[in-house]
Structure formats: C-alpha cells, structure tokens
Amino acid sequence: QVQLVESGGGLVQAGGSLRLSCTASGRPFGSYRMGWFRQAPGKERQFVAAISALSDATYYDDSVKGRFTISSDNAKTTVYLQMNSLKPEDTAVYYCGRHRSSSVYYETNYDFWGQGTQVTVSS
C-alpha cells in the first residue's frame, strides 16, 4: 500500500509563505499525477493544485493561482507546494493525494492520501 507523508505546515502571518512537502514511500510517482487538497473545519475537501510526474503539467484552483506553486523533485518521490502571499482563508488542513484517473479536480479520483498538515494564517 502506498504511504504518503506531508510536512511543512505551521502558523504564519498573512502575506507570509510556507512550503509543504509530500513524500511517497516505495516507488516513484511514475505515471501518476499528485495533488494537494485542503479542508477547513465544517467544509468539504477542496482541490488546490496537482502535477504530472511525466509531463510536469500543473493544475491550480483559481483561488491560489499566482500565489501557490506545485513542483516535484528530480527523482519524482516528493511533491512540494510553495505557498506565498498567504491569506487567512487559506487556513486548513492540507492533504497530499495520488491521482488515479480522470479529472484531477475531484477528490473521488484519488486513491491514497496522507494524514494532512495544518496550515494556519493569522491576520
């Protein structure tokens, strides 16, 4: 079974930056796309960004375009989410997932998830 581990969350002031990391156990991502979702208390898990290990194509939710950047390492074992110009509304638990099929924008199209890392942005 694939294991995903997120790290890098924390408390930051509005306008600040954080970089999240997600490391996959076992083999590299291969042909899989990897994505970041976030979930605030009482709300549904929401798509943030995704990346293709093969093509390096990236996908972003409109709410983070121009502020967040998703990337992966050369070995394709770790995916990063660089978050700049953070806003209080970015506060959530951020999850890394492995995409399995179809659109990257929907939670149901991912088959493995990490435990999440908390990001809190104060105003």
N, C-alpha and C. Protein backbone atom coordinates (compact mmCIF):
# COMPACT_ATOMS: atom_id res chain seq x y z
N GLN A 1 0.84 -1.18 0.00
CA GLN A 1 0.00 0.00 0.00
C GLN A 1 0.88 1.24 0.00
N VAL A 2 0.49 2.24 -0.78
CA VAL A 2 1.25 3.48 -0.87
C VAL A 2 1.05 4.29 0.40
N GLN A 3 2.14 4.83 0.92
CA GLN A 3 2.10 5.70 2.08
C GLN A 3 2.58 7.10 1.69
N LEU A 4 1.79 8.10 2.04
CA LEU A 4 2.12 9.48 1.76
C LEU A 4 2.25 10.23 3.08
N VAL A 5 3.29 11.04 3.20
CA VAL A 5 3.55 11.78 4.42
C VAL A 5 3.76 13.24 4.08
N GLU A 6 2.92 14.11 4.67
CA GLU A 6 3.03 15.55 4.47
C GLU A 6 3.81 16.19 5.61
N SER A 7 4.45 17.31 5.32
CA SER A 7 5.14 18.08 6.33
C SER A 7 5.24 19.53 5.87
N GLY A 8 5.61 20.41 6.78
CA GLY A 8 5.85 21.80 6.44
C GLY A 8 4.79 22.78 6.88
N GLY A 9 3.68 22.29 7.43
CA GLY A 9 2.64 23.19 7.89
C GLY A 9 3.06 23.95 9.13
N GLY A 10 2.26 24.94 9.48
CA GLY A 10 2.55 25.74 10.65
C GLY A 10 1.71 26.98 10.71
N LEU A 11 2.11 27.90 11.58
CA LEU A 11 1.42 29.17 11.78
C LEU A 11 2.21 30.27 11.12
N VAL A 12 1.54 31.09 10.32
CA VAL A 12 2.20 32.17 9.62
C VAL A 12 1.26 33.37 9.54
N GLN A 13 1.83 34.56 9.50
CA GLN A 13 1.03 35.76 9.35
C GLN A 13 0.59 35.95 7.91
N ALA A 14 -0.52 36.65 7.73
CA ALA A 14 -0.99 36.96 6.38
C ALA A 14 0.11 37.64 5.58
N GLY A 15 0.25 37.21 4.33
CA GLY A 15 1.30 37.72 3.47
C GLY A 15 2.57 36.91 3.52
N GLY A 16 2.67 35.99 4.46
CA GLY A 16 3.85 35.16 4.60
C GLY A 16 3.83 33.96 3.68
N SER A 17 4.82 33.09 3.86
CA SER A 17 5.00 31.94 2.99
C SER A 17 5.26 30.67 3.79
N LEU A 18 4.89 29.55 3.20
CA LEU A 18 5.20 28.22 3.71
C LEU A 18 5.45 27.31 2.52
N ARG A 19 6.23 26.26 2.74
CA ARG A 19 6.41 25.24 1.72
C ARG A 19 6.06 23.89 2.31
N LEU A 20 5.07 23.25 1.73
CA LEU A 20 4.65 21.92 2.14
C LEU A 20 5.37 20.87 1.31
N SER A 21 5.61 19.72 1.93
CA SER A 21 6.23 18.60 1.24
C SER A 21 5.38 17.36 1.41
N CYS A 22 5.38 16.52 0.40
CA CYS A 22 4.69 15.24 0.44
C CYS A 22 5.63 14.19 -0.13
N THR A 23 5.97 13.20 0.68
CA THR A 23 6.89 12.15 0.26
C THR A 23 6.14 10.82 0.15
N ALA A 24 6.33 10.14 -0.96
CA ALA A 24 5.69 8.85 -1.19
C ALA A 24 6.66 7.73 -0.90
N SER A 25 6.21 6.74 -0.16
CA SER A 25 7.03 5.57 0.11
C SER A 25 7.06 4.67 -1.11
N GLY A 26 8.06 3.79 -1.14
CA GLY A 26 8.15 2.84 -2.23
C GLY A 26 8.66 3.47 -3.52
N ARG A 27 7.98 3.16 -4.60
CA ARG A 27 8.41 3.59 -5.91
C ARG A 27 8.11 5.06 -6.18
N PRO A 28 8.80 5.63 -7.16
CA PRO A 28 8.46 6.99 -7.57
C PRO A 28 7.04 7.07 -8.10
N PHE A 29 6.59 8.28 -8.31
CA PHE A 29 5.21 8.50 -8.75
C PHE A 29 4.90 7.83 -10.08
N GLY A 30 5.91 7.72 -10.95
CA GLY A 30 5.71 7.11 -12.25
C GLY A 30 4.73 7.90 -13.09
N SER A 31 3.70 7.22 -13.58
CA SER A 31 2.73 7.86 -14.45
C SER A 31 1.62 8.58 -13.69
N TYR A 32 1.66 8.55 -12.36
CA TYR A 32 0.59 9.16 -11.57
C TYR A 32 0.76 10.66 -11.46
N ARG A 33 -0.37 11.34 -11.41
CA ARG A 33 -0.39 12.73 -11.01
C ARG A 33 -0.53 12.80 -9.49
N MET A 34 0.01 13.85 -8.90
CA MET A 34 -0.09 14.06 -7.47
C MET A 34 -0.79 15.39 -7.23
N GLY A 35 -1.61 15.43 -6.19
CA GLY A 35 -2.37 16.63 -5.93
C GLY A 35 -2.38 17.04 -4.47
N TRP A 36 -2.69 18.31 -4.27
CA TRP A 36 -2.92 18.87 -2.94
C TRP A 36 -4.37 19.30 -2.81
N PHE A 37 -4.99 18.89 -1.72
CA PHE A 37 -6.32 19.34 -1.35
C PHE A 37 -6.25 19.97 0.02
N ARG A 38 -7.26 20.72 0.37
CA ARG A 38 -7.32 21.29 1.72
C ARG A 38 -8.74 21.22 2.25
N GLN A 39 -8.84 21.18 3.57
CA GLN A 39 -10.14 21.08 4.21
C GLN A 39 -10.17 21.93 5.47
N ALA A 40 -11.06 22.90 5.49
CA ALA A 40 -11.29 23.72 6.67
C ALA A 40 -12.38 23.07 7.52
N PRO A 41 -12.42 23.36 8.81
CA PRO A 41 -13.45 22.77 9.68
C PRO A 41 -14.85 23.02 9.17
N GLY A 42 -15.65 21.97 9.09
CA GLY A 42 -17.02 22.09 8.65
C GLY A 42 -17.21 22.22 7.16
N LYS A 43 -16.15 22.12 6.38
CA LYS A 43 -16.24 22.27 4.94
C LYS A 43 -15.72 21.03 4.23
N GLU A 44 -16.08 20.92 2.95
CA GLU A 44 -15.64 19.80 2.14
C GLU A 44 -14.18 19.97 1.74
N ARG A 45 -13.54 18.85 1.46
CA ARG A 45 -12.18 18.89 0.97
C ARG A 45 -12.15 19.53 -0.42
N GLN A 46 -11.24 20.45 -0.62
CA GLN A 46 -11.21 21.30 -1.79
C GLN A 46 -9.90 21.16 -2.54
N PHE A 47 -9.99 21.06 -3.86
CA PHE A 47 -8.80 20.97 -4.71
C PHE A 47 -7.97 22.23 -4.61
N VAL A 48 -6.64 22.06 -4.58
CA VAL A 48 -5.72 23.18 -4.54
C VAL A 48 -4.83 23.18 -5.78
N ALA A 49 -4.09 22.09 -6.00
CA ALA A 49 -3.15 22.02 -7.11
C ALA A 49 -2.79 20.57 -7.40
N ALA A 50 -2.30 20.32 -8.61
CA ALA A 50 -1.85 18.98 -8.99
C ALA A 50 -0.73 19.08 -10.00
N ILE A 51 0.05 18.00 -10.11
CA ILE A 51 1.17 17.96 -11.04
C ILE A 51 1.31 16.57 -11.63
N SER A 52 1.73 16.50 -12.89
CA SER A 52 2.01 15.23 -13.55
C SER A 52 3.49 14.92 -13.44
N ALA A 53 3.83 13.74 -12.94
CA ALA A 53 5.23 13.34 -12.83
C ALA A 53 5.88 13.12 -14.19
N LEU A 54 5.08 12.77 -15.19
CA LEU A 54 5.61 12.50 -16.51
C LEU A 54 5.84 13.77 -17.33
N SER A 55 4.86 14.63 -17.35
CA SER A 55 4.91 15.81 -18.20
C SER A 55 5.24 17.10 -17.46
N ASP A 56 5.14 17.09 -16.13
CA ASP A 56 5.30 18.27 -15.29
C ASP A 56 4.20 19.30 -15.53
N ALA A 57 3.14 18.90 -16.19
CA ALA A 57 1.99 19.79 -16.32
C ALA A 57 1.41 20.07 -14.95
N THR A 58 0.96 21.30 -14.74
CA THR A 58 0.41 21.69 -13.45
C THR A 58 -1.00 22.20 -13.58
N TYR A 59 -1.74 22.10 -12.49
CA TYR A 59 -3.14 22.49 -12.43
C TYR A 59 -3.37 23.22 -11.12
N TYR A 60 -4.14 24.30 -11.16
CA TYR A 60 -4.38 25.09 -9.96
C TYR A 60 -5.83 25.50 -9.85
N ASP A 61 -6.31 25.54 -8.63
CA ASP A 61 -7.59 26.16 -8.38
C ASP A 61 -7.44 27.68 -8.53
N ASP A 62 -8.49 28.32 -8.99
CA ASP A 62 -8.43 29.76 -9.22
C ASP A 62 -8.07 30.54 -7.95
N SER A 63 -8.44 30.02 -6.81
CA SER A 63 -8.21 30.73 -5.56
C SER A 63 -6.73 30.84 -5.18
N VAL A 64 -5.87 30.01 -5.80
CA VAL A 64 -4.45 30.03 -5.44
C VAL A 64 -3.55 30.37 -6.62
N LYS A 65 -4.09 30.56 -7.80
CA LYS A 65 -3.28 30.90 -8.96
C LYS A 65 -2.50 32.19 -8.72
N GLY A 66 -1.22 32.15 -9.06
CA GLY A 66 -0.37 33.30 -8.87
C GLY A 66 0.24 33.40 -7.49
N ARG A 67 -0.23 32.57 -6.56
CA ARG A 67 0.29 32.59 -5.19
C ARG A 67 0.96 31.27 -4.81
N PHE A 68 0.41 30.15 -5.25
CA PHE A 68 0.94 28.83 -4.92
C PHE A 68 1.63 28.23 -6.14
N THR A 69 2.67 27.43 -5.90
CA THR A 69 3.36 26.72 -6.96
C THR A 69 3.60 25.28 -6.55
N ILE A 70 3.17 24.35 -7.38
CA ILE A 70 3.39 22.93 -7.12
C ILE A 70 4.57 22.46 -7.95
N SER A 71 5.39 21.58 -7.39
CA SER A 71 6.55 21.05 -8.08
C SER A 71 6.91 19.70 -7.51
N SER A 72 7.82 18.99 -8.18
CA SER A 72 8.31 17.71 -7.69
C SER A 72 9.82 17.66 -7.83
N ASP A 73 10.45 16.75 -7.08
CA ASP A 73 11.89 16.62 -7.17
C ASP A 73 12.27 15.80 -8.40
N ASN A 74 13.57 15.74 -8.69
CA ASN A 74 14.04 15.05 -9.89
C ASN A 74 13.77 13.56 -9.85
N ALA A 75 13.80 12.98 -8.67
CA ALA A 75 13.56 11.55 -8.51
C ALA A 75 12.08 11.20 -8.53
N LYS A 76 11.23 12.19 -8.52
CA LYS A 76 9.77 12.01 -8.54
C LYS A 76 9.28 11.21 -7.33
N THR A 77 9.85 11.52 -6.17
CA THR A 77 9.41 10.89 -4.93
C THR A 77 8.78 11.87 -3.96
N THR A 78 8.97 13.15 -4.20
CA THR A 78 8.44 14.18 -3.33
C THR A 78 7.77 15.27 -4.14
N VAL A 79 6.62 15.71 -3.68
CA VAL A 79 5.93 16.83 -4.31
C VAL A 79 5.86 17.98 -3.31
N TYR A 80 6.02 19.20 -3.79
CA TYR A 80 6.05 20.38 -2.95
C TYR A 80 4.91 21.32 -3.30
N LEU A 81 4.51 22.09 -2.33
CA LEU A 81 3.57 23.17 -2.55
C LEU A 81 4.13 24.42 -1.91
N GLN A 82 4.65 25.31 -2.73
CA GLN A 82 5.15 26.59 -2.25
C GLN A 82 3.98 27.55 -2.17
N MET A 83 3.72 28.09 -0.99
CA MET A 83 2.58 28.95 -0.76
C MET A 83 3.08 30.34 -0.38
N ASN A 84 2.81 31.30 -1.22
CA ASN A 84 3.19 32.68 -0.98
C ASN A 84 1.95 33.55 -0.83
N SER A 85 2.14 34.73 -0.30
CA SER A 85 1.04 35.69 -0.12
C SER A 85 -0.16 35.04 0.56
N LEU A 86 0.09 34.34 1.62
CA LEU A 86 -0.96 33.59 2.30
C LEU A 86 -2.02 34.51 2.89
N LYS A 87 -3.25 34.02 2.86
CA LYS A 87 -4.40 34.74 3.37
C LYS A 87 -5.05 33.92 4.48
N PRO A 88 -5.78 34.57 5.39
CA PRO A 88 -6.48 33.82 6.43
C PRO A 88 -7.39 32.74 5.89
N GLU A 89 -8.00 32.96 4.74
CA GLU A 89 -8.88 31.96 4.14
C GLU A 89 -8.15 30.74 3.62
N ASP A 90 -6.82 30.77 3.60
CA ASP A 90 -6.03 29.59 3.25
C ASP A 90 -5.90 28.63 4.43
N THR A 91 -6.34 29.04 5.60
CA THR A 91 -6.25 28.20 6.78
C THR A 91 -7.04 26.91 6.59
N ALA A 92 -6.36 25.77 6.75
CA ALA A 92 -6.98 24.47 6.54
C ALA A 92 -5.96 23.39 6.83
N VAL A 93 -6.44 22.16 6.87
CA VAL A 93 -5.55 21.01 6.84
C VAL A 93 -5.29 20.68 5.38
N TYR A 94 -4.03 20.57 5.02
CA TYR A 94 -3.64 20.30 3.65
C TYR A 94 -3.26 18.84 3.49
N TYR A 95 -3.84 18.19 2.49
CA TYR A 95 -3.63 16.78 2.24
C TYR A 95 -2.98 16.55 0.89
N CYS A 96 -2.07 15.61 0.84
CA CYS A 96 -1.46 15.14 -0.40
C CYS A 96 -2.16 13.87 -0.84
N GLY A 97 -2.47 13.77 -2.12
CA GLY A 97 -3.13 12.59 -2.65
C GLY A 97 -2.54 12.12 -3.96
N ARG A 98 -2.71 10.83 -4.26
CA ARG A 98 -2.28 10.26 -5.53
C ARG A 98 -3.48 10.12 -6.44
N HIS A 99 -3.41 10.78 -7.58
CA HIS A 99 -4.48 10.73 -8.55
C HIS A 99 -4.49 9.40 -9.27
N ARG A 100 -5.67 8.84 -9.51
CA ARG A 100 -5.76 7.53 -10.15
C ARG A 100 -6.33 7.57 -11.55
N SER A 101 -7.24 8.50 -11.81
CA SER A 101 -7.91 8.52 -13.11
C SER A 101 -8.70 9.81 -13.27
N SER A 102 -9.06 10.08 -14.50
CA SER A 102 -9.96 11.15 -14.86
C SER A 102 -9.46 12.51 -14.38
N SER A 103 -10.39 13.40 -14.06
CA SER A 103 -10.05 14.77 -13.70
C SER A 103 -9.29 14.84 -12.38
N VAL A 104 -8.31 15.74 -12.31
CA VAL A 104 -7.55 15.94 -11.08
C VAL A 104 -8.30 16.80 -10.07
N TYR A 105 -9.41 17.38 -10.46
CA TYR A 105 -10.09 18.37 -9.64
C TYR A 105 -11.03 17.78 -8.61
N TYR A 106 -11.24 16.47 -8.63
CA TYR A 106 -12.23 15.86 -7.76
C TYR A 106 -11.59 14.83 -6.82
N GLU A 107 -11.95 14.93 -5.57
CA GLU A 107 -11.41 14.08 -4.52
C GLU A 107 -11.61 12.59 -4.80
N THR A 108 -12.73 12.25 -5.40
CA THR A 108 -13.06 10.85 -5.65
C THR A 108 -12.14 10.20 -6.66
N ASN A 109 -11.34 10.96 -7.37
CA ASN A 109 -10.42 10.43 -8.37
C ASN A 109 -9.02 10.18 -7.82
N TYR A 110 -8.87 10.23 -6.52
CA TYR A 110 -7.60 9.95 -5.84
C TYR A 110 -7.75 8.70 -4.99
N ASP A 111 -6.70 7.87 -4.95
CA ASP A 111 -6.82 6.59 -4.24
C ASP A 111 -6.01 6.48 -2.96
N PHE A 112 -5.05 7.34 -2.72
CA PHE A 112 -4.27 7.32 -1.49
C PHE A 112 -4.08 8.74 -0.98
N TRP A 113 -4.10 8.86 0.34
CA TRP A 113 -3.98 10.16 0.99
C TRP A 113 -3.01 10.11 2.15
N GLY A 114 -2.34 11.24 2.40
CA GLY A 114 -1.56 11.38 3.61
C GLY A 114 -2.44 11.78 4.78
N GLN A 115 -1.82 11.97 5.94
CA GLN A 115 -2.56 12.31 7.15
C GLN A 115 -2.90 13.79 7.26
N GLY A 116 -2.26 14.61 6.46
CA GLY A 116 -2.54 16.03 6.46
C GLY A 116 -1.58 16.83 7.33
N THR A 117 -1.42 18.09 6.99
CA THR A 117 -0.61 19.01 7.77
C THR A 117 -1.37 20.33 7.92
N GLN A 118 -1.39 20.86 9.13
CA GLN A 118 -2.19 22.04 9.43
C GLN A 118 -1.47 23.31 8.99
N VAL A 119 -2.20 24.16 8.29
CA VAL A 119 -1.72 25.49 7.92
C VAL A 119 -2.66 26.51 8.52
N THR A 120 -2.12 27.41 9.32
CA THR A 120 -2.92 28.45 9.95
C THR A 120 -2.34 29.81 9.60
N VAL A 121 -3.17 30.68 9.04
CA VAL A 121 -2.75 32.01 8.63
C VAL A 121 -3.49 33.03 9.48
N SER A 122 -2.75 33.82 10.22
CA SER A 122 -3.34 34.83 11.08
C SER A 122 -3.35 36.18 10.39
N SER A 123 -4.34 37.00 10.72
CA SER A 123 -4.46 38.32 10.12
C SER A 123 -3.88 39.38 11.02
